[in-house]
Amino acid sequence: MATLRDAKCGQTVKVAKIHGEGAVKRRIMDMGITKNVEIYIRKVAPFGDPVEVTVRGYELSLRKADAEMVELQ
């Protein structure tokens, strides 16, 4: 199972599923990261935290812990 944390800079990936519970999962979904949405990986910080992505036309920074909850197709 590949997660958003494993994605490399410059890749475009598609979300398969979001793991996690309650408020954390809700927060990720509120950012526009939902099933089947495409995410472009803009930048990965040297130690992997945070990951900068473009989703639905806007830019986001995600912590490693949040990126791990997003399973890719």
Protein backbone atom coordinates (compact mmCIF):
# COMPACT_ATOMS: atom_id res chain seq x y z
CA MET A 1 0.00 0.00 0.00
CA ALA A 2 1.51 3.29 -1.13
CA THR A 3 0.70 6.46 0.76
CA LEU A 4 1.09 10.15 -0.05
CA ARG A 5 4.21 10.13 2.13
CA ASP A 6 5.89 7.70 -0.32
CA ALA A 7 5.15 9.83 -3.41
CA LYS A 8 8.09 11.54 -5.10
CA CYS A 9 8.46 15.19 -6.08
CA GLY A 10 6.90 15.94 -9.51
CA GLN A 11 4.49 12.98 -9.41
CA THR A 12 0.75 13.24 -9.92
CA VAL A 13 -1.10 10.64 -7.84
CA LYS A 14 -4.72 9.62 -7.29
CA VAL A 15 -6.29 9.03 -3.87
CA ALA A 16 -7.74 5.56 -3.22
CA LYS A 17 -8.73 5.89 0.44
CA ILE A 18 -8.25 8.03 3.53
CA HIS A 19 -7.40 6.25 6.78
CA GLY A 20 -7.72 7.70 10.25
CA GLU A 21 -10.58 8.52 12.56
CA GLY A 22 -12.94 11.36 13.34
CA ALA A 23 -11.50 14.88 13.42
CA VAL A 24 -8.22 14.01 11.71
CA LYS A 25 -9.92 12.32 8.77
CA ARG A 26 -12.48 15.15 8.58
CA ARG A 27 -9.70 17.77 8.47
CA ILE A 28 -7.93 16.00 5.59
CA MET A 29 -11.22 15.75 3.67
CA ASP A 30 -12.01 19.43 4.40
CA MET A 31 -8.73 20.33 2.66
CA GLY A 32 -10.16 18.81 -0.52
CA ILE A 33 -8.33 15.49 -0.32
CA THR A 34 -11.06 12.97 -1.08
CA LYS A 35 -11.34 9.64 -2.90
CA ASN A 36 -10.34 9.74 -6.61
CA VAL A 37 -8.95 13.30 -6.47
CA GLU A 38 -5.60 13.90 -8.21
CA ILE A 39 -2.75 15.38 -6.20
CA TYR A 40 0.44 16.85 -7.67
CA ILE A 41 3.51 16.58 -5.42
CA ARG A 42 5.23 20.00 -5.63
CA LYS A 43 7.97 19.72 -3.02
CA VAL A 44 9.18 17.37 -0.34
CA ALA A 45 11.25 18.95 2.44
CA PRO A 46 14.74 17.44 2.96
CA PHE A 47 13.64 15.33 5.92
CA GLY A 48 10.20 14.62 4.40
CA ASP A 49 8.21 17.02 6.58
CA PRO A 50 6.18 18.84 5.30
CA VAL A 51 5.09 17.73 1.83
CA GLU A 52 3.84 20.51 -0.46
CA VAL A 53 1.06 19.46 -2.83
CA THR A 54 -1.39 20.99 -5.29
CA VAL A 55 -4.95 19.68 -4.99
CA ARG A 56 -8.05 21.03 -6.75
CA GLY A 57 -6.09 24.05 -7.97
CA TYR A 58 -4.68 25.21 -4.64
CA GLU A 59 -1.51 24.54 -2.69
CA LEU A 60 -1.26 22.73 0.64
CA SER A 61 1.46 21.70 3.04
CA LEU A 62 0.87 18.40 4.80
CA ARG A 63 2.68 16.92 7.77
CA LYS A 64 4.19 13.47 7.34
CA ALA A 65 1.69 12.01 9.80
CA ASP A 66 -1.25 13.33 7.73
CA ALA A 67 0.31 12.28 4.41
CA GLU A 68 0.63 8.72 5.72
CA MET A 69 -3.16 8.49 6.11
CA VAL A 70 -3.79 9.09 2.40
CA GLU A 71 -3.62 5.79 0.48
CA LEU A 72 -2.88 6.03 -3.25
CA GLN A 73 -4.14 3.98 -6.18
